Amino acid sequence: MRPILEVRPLEPVKVVFRISLFLLLCVAPRLSSAAQPDDSGLPKYDLHTETKTKGVVEEVKLLPLGTRKDFTELIIQSGDDKVHIYVCPKTFQEEMGISFSKGDQIAVTGSKVKQEGSDVILARELVKGQDTVLFRDDKGSPVWDWRTGK
């Protein structure tokens, strides 16, 4: 009499393969989320607070923002007000071939948001002389990669 179902032990290679596949499926989601920058402290672009301003650059600073340590901030004099503008990572600025200096006349379109209790503008578009540079798309998402800054 033959058994209805014959059970054979798995070959060692198949066992190793199945265990490896199982571990990969368990670990892969964690790896992909770990690759994302921790941007919980970053200001979010808000299309509802989009504004335009223009003025003269008073100061150019590099500041730590999220996981970046080289984010360009411009402080401009606009009428009687000093306006803080968060532009982009320094590496993106260099890749685009743009620079900022005290005395530059600029016009900025961006989202006015709160960062650590102060008003700042997250630049989406900046005009300097005849040059117009886009830092964010029409939904306010950065056009650079947060991991590389480019």
Protein backbone atom coordinates (compact mmCIF):
# COMPACT_ATOMS: atom_id res chain seq x y z
CA MET A 1 0.00 0.00 0.00
CA ARG A 2 1.35 3.44 -1.05
CA PRO A 3 0.98 6.44 1.22
CA ILE A 4 -1.35 9.17 -0.06
CA LEU A 5 1.14 11.93 0.67
CA GLU A 6 4.81 11.34 0.74
CA VAL A 7 6.80 13.77 2.88
CA ARG A 8 10.44 14.21 2.00
CA PRO A 9 12.91 16.32 3.94
CA LEU A 10 14.01 19.56 2.24
CA GLU A 11 17.46 19.83 0.80
CA PRO A 12 19.81 22.05 2.87
CA VAL A 13 20.15 24.57 0.01
CA LYS A 14 16.38 25.06 -0.16
CA VAL A 15 16.19 25.55 3.62
CA VAL A 16 18.90 28.22 3.55
CA PHE A 17 17.21 29.93 0.59
CA ARG A 18 13.82 30.03 2.31
CA ILE A 19 15.27 31.36 5.56
CA SER A 20 17.21 34.03 3.66
CA LEU A 21 14.12 35.08 1.74
CA PHE A 22 12.08 35.27 4.94
CA LEU A 23 14.70 37.45 6.65
CA LEU A 24 15.01 39.72 3.65
CA LEU A 25 11.27 40.28 3.55
CA CYS A 26 11.26 41.10 7.27
CA VAL A 27 14.23 43.48 7.18
CA ALA A 28 13.70 45.30 3.85
CA PRO A 29 10.90 47.62 5.05
CA ARG A 30 13.06 48.77 7.98
CA LEU A 31 16.02 49.46 5.71
CA SER A 32 13.97 51.59 3.33
CA SER A 33 12.52 53.68 6.16
CA ALA A 34 15.98 54.11 7.68
CA ALA A 35 17.22 55.60 4.40
CA GLN A 36 14.69 58.44 4.64
CA PRO A 37 15.97 61.58 6.38
CA ASP A 38 14.48 62.49 9.73
CA ASP A 39 12.65 65.64 8.75
CA SER A 40 10.20 65.81 11.65
CA GLY A 41 11.74 69.13 12.79
CA LEU A 42 11.78 70.70 9.34
CA PRO A 43 9.33 73.43 8.42
CA LYS A 44 6.75 72.29 5.85
CA TYR A 45 5.99 74.25 2.71
CA ASP A 46 2.40 75.52 2.81
CA LEU A 47 0.89 76.68 -0.49
CA HIS A 48 -1.74 78.66 1.47
CA THR A 49 0.93 80.94 2.96
CA GLU A 50 2.80 81.58 -0.29
CA THR A 51 4.01 85.16 -0.50
CA LYS A 52 6.34 87.36 -2.52
CA THR A 53 8.97 89.68 -1.14
CA LYS A 54 12.00 91.52 -2.40
CA GLY A 55 14.93 93.27 -0.83
CA VAL A 56 18.66 93.54 -0.39
CA VAL A 57 20.75 90.71 1.04
CA GLU A 58 22.15 91.78 4.42
CA GLU A 59 23.68 88.46 5.47
CA VAL A 60 24.35 84.98 4.04
CA LYS A 61 24.50 82.16 6.61
CA LEU A 62 24.84 78.38 6.63
CA LEU A 63 22.65 76.73 9.23
CA PRO A 64 21.85 73.20 10.37
CA LEU A 65 18.38 72.17 9.23
CA GLY A 66 17.12 68.63 9.69
CA THR A 67 19.89 66.24 8.72
CA ARG A 68 21.66 68.93 6.66
CA LYS A 69 24.39 71.04 8.22
CA ASP A 70 24.85 73.36 5.24
CA PHE A 71 21.49 74.97 4.49
CA THR A 72 21.76 78.47 3.00
CA GLU A 73 19.81 81.19 4.79
CA LEU A 74 19.56 84.72 3.44
CA ILE A 75 18.62 87.61 5.67
CA ILE A 76 17.28 90.43 3.53
CA GLN A 77 16.24 93.97 4.29
CA SER A 78 12.75 94.51 2.88
CA GLY A 79 11.58 98.01 3.72
CA ASP A 80 11.87 98.30 7.52
CA ASP A 81 11.79 94.51 8.03
CA LYS A 82 14.52 91.89 8.13
CA VAL A 83 13.25 88.73 6.43
CA HIS A 84 14.82 85.30 6.93
CA ILE A 85 14.77 83.16 3.78
CA TYR A 86 15.66 79.46 3.76
CA VAL A 87 16.99 78.77 0.28
CA CYS A 88 18.57 75.31 -0.25
CA PRO A 89 21.53 73.12 0.71
CA LYS A 90 24.90 74.70 -0.16
CA THR A 91 25.78 71.72 -2.40
CA PHE A 92 22.66 72.32 -4.53
CA GLN A 93 23.47 76.02 -4.73
CA GLU A 94 26.99 75.22 -5.94
CA GLU A 95 25.71 72.66 -8.43
CA MET A 96 23.32 75.28 -9.86
CA GLY A 97 26.20 77.77 -10.09
CA ILE A 98 24.56 80.50 -8.03
CA SER A 99 26.00 82.55 -5.21
CA PHE A 100 24.73 85.23 -2.87
CA SER A 101 26.55 88.22 -1.43
CA LYS A 102 25.72 91.12 0.81
CA GLY A 103 24.13 93.85 -1.30
CA ASP A 104 22.48 91.53 -3.86
CA GLN A 105 18.99 92.64 -4.92
CA ILE A 106 16.62 89.64 -4.92
CA ALA A 107 12.94 88.83 -5.25
CA VAL A 108 11.58 85.68 -3.61
CA THR A 109 8.38 83.66 -3.89
CA GLY A 110 7.95 81.24 -1.02
CA SER A 111 5.94 79.95 1.89
CA LYS A 112 5.89 82.00 5.09
CA VAL A 113 6.09 79.53 7.98
CA LYS A 114 7.11 79.39 11.64
CA GLN A 115 10.47 77.87 12.57
CA GLU A 116 11.39 77.85 16.26
CA GLY A 117 8.92 80.68 16.92
CA SER A 118 10.18 82.97 14.14
CA ASP A 119 8.76 83.72 10.71
CA VAL A 120 10.84 82.40 7.81
CA ILE A 121 10.19 82.08 4.11
CA LEU A 122 10.93 78.77 2.41
CA ALA A 123 12.07 79.87 -1.05
CA ARG A 124 10.36 78.25 -4.02
CA GLU A 125 11.60 80.72 -6.64
CA LEU A 126 14.28 83.37 -6.43
CA VAL A 127 15.12 86.10 -8.94
CA LYS A 128 18.55 87.73 -8.86
CA GLY A 129 19.30 90.10 -11.72
CA GLN A 130 18.33 88.30 -14.93
CA ASP A 131 18.49 84.84 -13.32
CA THR A 132 15.47 82.96 -11.98
CA VAL A 133 16.14 79.83 -9.95
CA LEU A 134 13.52 77.28 -8.85
CA PHE A 135 14.19 75.52 -5.54
CA ARG A 136 10.83 73.77 -5.18
CA ASP A 137 8.20 72.45 -7.57
CA ASP A 138 4.69 73.89 -7.88
CA LYS A 139 3.55 71.78 -4.89
CA GLY A 140 6.38 73.06 -2.68
CA SER A 141 8.51 69.90 -2.72
CA PRO A 142 12.27 70.52 -2.89
CA VAL A 143 13.88 69.83 -6.26
CA TRP A 144 17.05 68.63 -4.53
CA ASP A 145 17.66 65.32 -2.78
CA TRP A 146 17.79 65.76 1.02
CA ARG A 147 20.33 62.94 1.38
CA THR A 148 22.91 64.35 -1.03
CA GLY A 149 21.90 68.01 -1.08
CA LYS A 150 22.05 67.96 -4.89
